[in-house]
Amino acid sequence: MLLAVASCGATESIALDDPPVPVSSEVPFEVAVTAATDAGWKVDVNSASTSELEEAFEAAGVANARRWAREVDEYRPYPKDPDFAKLRQELGKYNIAPEVLEAIISTLEF
């Protein structure tokens, strides 16, 4: 049996016999992105250390911030592109959720 669940404007179907999803105390996506960008929390995509990337991602409410920081670091350097096309392509290989990708990009600058 499937159950439709709405989350961040998207609808997902989950099987009722799937293992339970752990409840998170993470800040909602929109609030986290707004807070991170309003606070000026941006790090340079090409020069920030992986720990700085991780901290910025955590501040934006990104789950698995450490993993995503390592992935961003792995594919450096990135060309100066306001759309972050190369980064989007590289992280897209991992089937990253669109809202997670946007939260990551909201913390980055050149």
N, C-alpha and C. Protein backbone atom coordinates (compact mmCIF):
# COMPACT_ATOMS: atom_id res chain seq x y z
N MET A 1 0.84 -1.18 0.00
CA MET A 1 0.00 0.00 0.00
C MET A 1 0.89 1.24 0.00
N LEU A 2 0.56 2.23 -0.82
CA LEU A 2 1.33 3.46 -0.91
C LEU A 2 0.60 4.60 -0.24
N LEU A 3 1.37 5.51 0.29
CA LEU A 3 0.85 6.70 0.94
C LEU A 3 1.52 7.89 0.29
N ALA A 4 0.76 8.89 -0.14
CA ALA A 4 1.34 10.10 -0.73
C ALA A 4 1.62 11.08 0.38
N VAL A 5 2.83 11.64 0.37
CA VAL A 5 3.26 12.57 1.40
C VAL A 5 3.76 13.83 0.72
N ALA A 6 3.29 14.98 1.15
CA ALA A 6 3.77 16.26 0.60
C ALA A 6 4.87 16.79 1.49
N SER A 7 5.98 17.22 0.85
CA SER A 7 7.12 17.75 1.59
C SER A 7 7.79 18.80 0.74
N CYS A 8 7.95 20.00 1.26
CA CYS A 8 8.63 21.10 0.57
C CYS A 8 8.08 21.31 -0.83
N GLY A 9 6.76 21.23 -0.98
CA GLY A 9 6.14 21.48 -2.27
C GLY A 9 6.16 20.31 -3.21
N ALA A 10 6.76 19.18 -2.82
CA ALA A 10 6.81 18.01 -3.68
C ALA A 10 6.01 16.90 -3.03
N THR A 11 5.49 16.00 -3.83
CA THR A 11 4.74 14.87 -3.30
C THR A 11 5.54 13.61 -3.54
N GLU A 12 5.68 12.81 -2.50
CA GLU A 12 6.39 11.55 -2.60
C GLU A 12 5.45 10.44 -2.20
N SER A 13 5.66 9.27 -2.77
CA SER A 13 4.90 8.10 -2.36
C SER A 13 5.81 7.19 -1.57
N ILE A 14 5.32 6.73 -0.44
CA ILE A 14 6.10 5.79 0.35
C ILE A 14 5.23 4.58 0.65
N ALA A 15 5.87 3.45 0.71
CA ALA A 15 5.14 2.23 1.05
C ALA A 15 4.96 2.20 2.55
N LEU A 16 3.78 1.79 2.99
CA LEU A 16 3.51 1.75 4.42
C LEU A 16 4.37 0.73 5.14
N ASP A 17 4.89 -0.26 4.42
CA ASP A 17 5.73 -1.25 5.07
C ASP A 17 7.22 -0.88 4.99
N ASP A 18 7.54 0.33 4.46
CA ASP A 18 8.93 0.81 4.46
C ASP A 18 9.37 1.02 5.90
N PRO A 19 10.69 0.93 6.15
CA PRO A 19 11.16 1.21 7.51
C PRO A 19 10.86 2.66 7.87
N PRO A 20 10.64 2.94 9.13
CA PRO A 20 10.29 4.31 9.52
C PRO A 20 11.43 5.28 9.22
N VAL A 21 11.06 6.47 8.84
CA VAL A 21 12.03 7.53 8.59
C VAL A 21 12.28 8.22 9.92
N PRO A 22 13.56 8.37 10.30
CA PRO A 22 13.83 9.01 11.58
C PRO A 22 13.35 10.46 11.58
N VAL A 23 12.82 10.87 12.71
CA VAL A 23 12.35 12.24 12.86
C VAL A 23 13.58 13.12 13.10
N SER A 24 13.63 14.24 12.42
CA SER A 24 14.78 15.11 12.51
C SER A 24 14.39 16.42 13.18
N SER A 25 15.36 17.00 13.85
CA SER A 25 15.13 18.31 14.46
C SER A 25 15.73 19.40 13.59
N GLU A 26 15.99 19.08 12.31
CA GLU A 26 16.56 20.07 11.41
C GLU A 26 15.61 21.23 11.19
N VAL A 27 16.20 22.36 10.91
CA VAL A 27 15.44 23.57 10.60
C VAL A 27 14.79 23.38 9.23
N PRO A 28 13.54 23.80 9.06
CA PRO A 28 12.91 23.69 7.74
C PRO A 28 13.75 24.36 6.67
N PHE A 29 13.74 23.78 5.49
CA PHE A 29 14.58 24.22 4.37
C PHE A 29 14.50 25.72 4.13
N GLU A 30 13.30 26.26 3.95
CA GLU A 30 13.16 27.67 3.61
C GLU A 30 13.71 28.57 4.71
N VAL A 31 13.49 28.19 5.96
CA VAL A 31 13.98 28.98 7.09
C VAL A 31 15.50 28.94 7.13
N ALA A 32 16.08 27.76 6.93
CA ALA A 32 17.53 27.61 6.99
C ALA A 32 18.22 28.39 5.90
N VAL A 33 17.71 28.29 4.68
CA VAL A 33 18.33 29.01 3.56
C VAL A 33 18.25 30.50 3.79
N THR A 34 17.10 30.99 4.22
CA THR A 34 16.93 32.41 4.49
C THR A 34 17.87 32.87 5.59
N ALA A 35 17.95 32.08 6.67
CA ALA A 35 18.82 32.44 7.78
C ALA A 35 20.28 32.46 7.36
N ALA A 36 20.70 31.46 6.61
CA ALA A 36 22.10 31.39 6.18
C ALA A 36 22.46 32.54 5.26
N THR A 37 21.61 32.84 4.31
CA THR A 37 21.91 33.90 3.36
C THR A 37 21.74 35.28 4.01
N ASP A 38 20.76 35.44 4.89
CA ASP A 38 20.59 36.71 5.58
C ASP A 38 21.77 37.01 6.50
N ALA A 39 22.34 35.97 7.07
CA ALA A 39 23.48 36.15 7.97
C ALA A 39 24.77 36.36 7.18
N GLY A 40 24.68 36.27 5.86
CA GLY A 40 25.87 36.44 5.04
C GLY A 40 26.79 35.24 5.09
N TRP A 41 26.24 34.10 5.46
CA TRP A 41 27.05 32.89 5.59
C TRP A 41 27.28 32.30 4.22
N LYS A 42 28.30 32.76 3.56
CA LYS A 42 28.68 32.24 2.25
C LYS A 42 30.16 31.89 2.32
N VAL A 43 30.52 30.81 1.67
CA VAL A 43 31.91 30.40 1.60
C VAL A 43 32.30 30.24 0.15
N ASP A 44 33.58 30.43 -0.13
CA ASP A 44 34.07 30.32 -1.49
C ASP A 44 34.11 28.86 -1.90
N VAL A 45 33.44 28.55 -2.99
CA VAL A 45 33.32 27.17 -3.46
C VAL A 45 34.67 26.56 -3.81
N ASN A 46 35.64 27.38 -4.19
CA ASN A 46 36.94 26.85 -4.60
C ASN A 46 38.01 26.90 -3.52
N SER A 47 37.86 27.75 -2.53
CA SER A 47 38.94 27.88 -1.55
C SER A 47 38.57 27.53 -0.12
N ALA A 48 37.31 27.38 0.19
CA ALA A 48 36.91 27.03 1.56
C ALA A 48 37.37 25.61 1.88
N SER A 49 37.78 25.41 3.11
CA SER A 49 38.16 24.05 3.54
C SER A 49 36.91 23.19 3.60
N THR A 50 37.08 21.89 3.64
CA THR A 50 35.91 21.01 3.73
C THR A 50 35.17 21.25 5.05
N SER A 51 35.90 21.58 6.11
CA SER A 51 35.21 21.85 7.38
C SER A 51 34.40 23.15 7.29
N GLU A 52 34.91 24.15 6.57
CA GLU A 52 34.14 25.39 6.37
C GLU A 52 32.90 25.12 5.52
N LEU A 53 33.05 24.31 4.47
CA LEU A 53 31.89 23.92 3.66
C LEU A 53 30.86 23.22 4.53
N GLU A 54 31.33 22.27 5.32
CA GLU A 54 30.42 21.51 6.18
C GLU A 54 29.67 22.42 7.15
N GLU A 55 30.37 23.37 7.76
CA GLU A 55 29.73 24.30 8.70
C GLU A 55 28.66 25.14 7.99
N ALA A 56 28.99 25.61 6.80
CA ALA A 56 28.02 26.42 6.05
C ALA A 56 26.80 25.59 5.68
N PHE A 57 27.03 24.35 5.26
CA PHE A 57 25.92 23.47 4.89
C PHE A 57 25.05 23.17 6.10
N GLU A 58 25.69 22.92 7.24
CA GLU A 58 24.92 22.67 8.47
C GLU A 58 24.08 23.88 8.83
N ALA A 59 24.65 25.08 8.69
CA ALA A 59 23.91 26.30 9.01
C ALA A 59 22.70 26.47 8.09
N ALA A 60 22.80 25.92 6.88
CA ALA A 60 21.69 26.00 5.93
C ALA A 60 20.72 24.83 6.10
N GLY A 61 20.97 23.96 7.08
CA GLY A 61 20.06 22.85 7.35
C GLY A 61 20.23 21.66 6.43
N VAL A 62 21.40 21.53 5.81
CA VAL A 62 21.65 20.42 4.88
C VAL A 62 21.94 19.15 5.67
N ALA A 63 21.13 18.11 5.43
CA ALA A 63 21.39 16.80 6.04
C ALA A 63 22.64 16.22 5.40
N ASN A 64 23.40 15.47 6.16
CA ASN A 64 24.64 14.85 5.68
C ASN A 64 25.63 15.90 5.17
N ALA A 65 25.75 17.00 5.90
CA ALA A 65 26.61 18.11 5.49
C ALA A 65 28.05 17.66 5.24
N ARG A 66 28.55 16.77 6.04
CA ARG A 66 29.94 16.31 5.87
C ARG A 66 30.12 15.62 4.52
N ARG A 67 29.19 14.75 4.18
CA ARG A 67 29.28 14.05 2.90
C ARG A 67 29.26 15.03 1.74
N TRP A 68 28.32 15.98 1.77
CA TRP A 68 28.20 16.92 0.66
C TRP A 68 29.41 17.84 0.58
N ALA A 69 29.99 18.18 1.72
CA ALA A 69 31.21 19.00 1.72
C ALA A 69 32.34 18.24 1.02
N ARG A 70 32.46 16.95 1.30
CA ARG A 70 33.50 16.14 0.63
C ARG A 70 33.24 16.05 -0.87
N GLU A 71 31.98 15.92 -1.26
CA GLU A 71 31.66 15.82 -2.69
C GLU A 71 31.95 17.14 -3.40
N VAL A 72 31.61 18.26 -2.78
CA VAL A 72 31.90 19.57 -3.38
C VAL A 72 33.41 19.72 -3.53
N ASP A 73 34.15 19.34 -2.50
CA ASP A 73 35.61 19.44 -2.53
C ASP A 73 36.22 18.55 -3.62
N GLU A 74 35.67 17.38 -3.81
CA GLU A 74 36.24 16.40 -4.74
C GLU A 74 36.32 16.91 -6.18
N TYR A 75 35.37 17.72 -6.60
CA TYR A 75 35.29 18.12 -8.00
C TYR A 75 35.83 19.53 -8.27
N ARG A 76 36.54 20.11 -7.33
CA ARG A 76 37.12 21.43 -7.53
C ARG A 76 38.24 21.38 -8.55
N PRO A 77 38.56 22.49 -9.16
CA PRO A 77 37.93 23.80 -9.06
C PRO A 77 36.70 23.91 -9.95
N TYR A 78 35.86 24.84 -9.59
CA TYR A 78 34.65 25.12 -10.36
C TYR A 78 34.85 26.41 -11.14
N PRO A 79 34.39 26.44 -12.39
CA PRO A 79 34.49 27.70 -13.15
C PRO A 79 33.55 28.74 -12.55
N LYS A 80 33.94 29.98 -12.69
CA LYS A 80 33.11 31.08 -12.16
C LYS A 80 31.84 31.16 -12.99
N ASP A 81 30.79 30.56 -12.48
CA ASP A 81 29.52 30.45 -13.18
C ASP A 81 28.41 30.69 -12.17
N PRO A 82 27.62 31.76 -12.32
CA PRO A 82 26.59 32.06 -11.32
C PRO A 82 25.52 30.97 -11.21
N ASP A 83 25.42 30.11 -12.20
CA ASP A 83 24.44 29.01 -12.14
C ASP A 83 25.01 27.73 -11.54
N PHE A 84 26.32 27.71 -11.27
CA PHE A 84 26.98 26.54 -10.69
C PHE A 84 26.70 25.28 -11.50
N ALA A 85 26.77 25.39 -12.82
CA ALA A 85 26.43 24.26 -13.70
C ALA A 85 27.29 23.02 -13.44
N LYS A 86 28.60 23.21 -13.28
CA LYS A 86 29.48 22.05 -13.05
C LYS A 86 29.14 21.39 -11.71
N LEU A 87 28.93 22.19 -10.69
CA LEU A 87 28.57 21.64 -9.38
C LEU A 87 27.24 20.90 -9.46
N ARG A 88 26.27 21.48 -10.12
CA ARG A 88 24.97 20.82 -10.28
C ARG A 88 25.13 19.48 -11.00
N GLN A 89 25.97 19.47 -12.03
CA GLN A 89 26.20 18.22 -12.78
C GLN A 89 26.86 17.17 -11.90
N GLU A 90 27.90 17.55 -11.18
CA GLU A 90 28.63 16.58 -10.35
C GLU A 90 27.77 16.04 -9.21
N LEU A 91 27.06 16.90 -8.51
CA LEU A 91 26.22 16.43 -7.40
C LEU A 91 24.99 15.70 -7.91
N GLY A 92 24.55 16.02 -9.11
CA GLY A 92 23.42 15.33 -9.72
C GLY A 92 23.68 13.85 -9.91
N LYS A 93 24.94 13.46 -9.99
CA LYS A 93 25.30 12.04 -10.14
C LYS A 93 24.82 11.22 -8.94
N TYR A 94 24.61 11.89 -7.83
CA TYR A 94 24.24 11.21 -6.59
C TYR A 94 22.75 11.29 -6.31
N ASN A 95 21.98 11.70 -7.31
CA ASN A 95 20.52 11.84 -7.14
C ASN A 95 20.18 12.71 -5.94
N ILE A 96 20.89 13.81 -5.81
CA ILE A 96 20.67 14.73 -4.71
C ILE A 96 19.28 15.35 -4.84
N ALA A 97 18.60 15.48 -3.74
CA ALA A 97 17.27 16.11 -3.74
C ALA A 97 17.43 17.57 -4.16
N PRO A 98 16.53 18.07 -5.00
CA PRO A 98 16.65 19.46 -5.48
C PRO A 98 16.74 20.49 -4.35
N GLU A 99 15.99 20.29 -3.28
CA GLU A 99 16.04 21.27 -2.20
C GLU A 99 17.36 21.23 -1.46
N VAL A 100 18.00 20.07 -1.39
CA VAL A 100 19.32 19.96 -0.76
C VAL A 100 20.35 20.66 -1.64
N LEU A 101 20.29 20.43 -2.94
CA LEU A 101 21.21 21.08 -3.87
C LEU A 101 21.09 22.60 -3.78
N GLU A 102 19.86 23.10 -3.75
CA GLU A 102 19.67 24.55 -3.66
C GLU A 102 20.16 25.11 -2.33
N ALA A 103 20.00 24.36 -1.25
CA ALA A 103 20.51 24.79 0.05
C ALA A 103 22.03 24.87 0.01
N ILE A 104 22.67 23.89 -0.61
CA ILE A 104 24.13 23.91 -0.73
C ILE A 104 24.56 25.12 -1.55
N ILE A 105 23.95 25.31 -2.70
CA ILE A 105 24.35 26.41 -3.58
C ILE A 105 24.09 27.76 -2.91
N SER A 106 23.07 27.84 -2.06
CA SER A 106 22.77 29.12 -1.40
C SER A 106 23.89 29.56 -0.46
N THR A 107 24.77 28.63 -0.09
CA THR A 107 25.86 28.97 0.83
C THR A 107 27.16 29.27 0.11
N LEU A 108 27.18 29.13 -1.22
CA LEU A 108 28.44 29.23 -1.97
C LEU A 108 28.56 30.51 -2.77
N GLU A 109 29.80 30.92 -2.97
CA GLU A 109 30.11 32.07 -3.81
C GLU A 109 31.48 31.83 -4.44
N PHE A 110 31.84 32.70 -5.39
CA PHE A 110 33.15 32.62 -6.03
C PHE A 110 34.03 33.73 -5.51
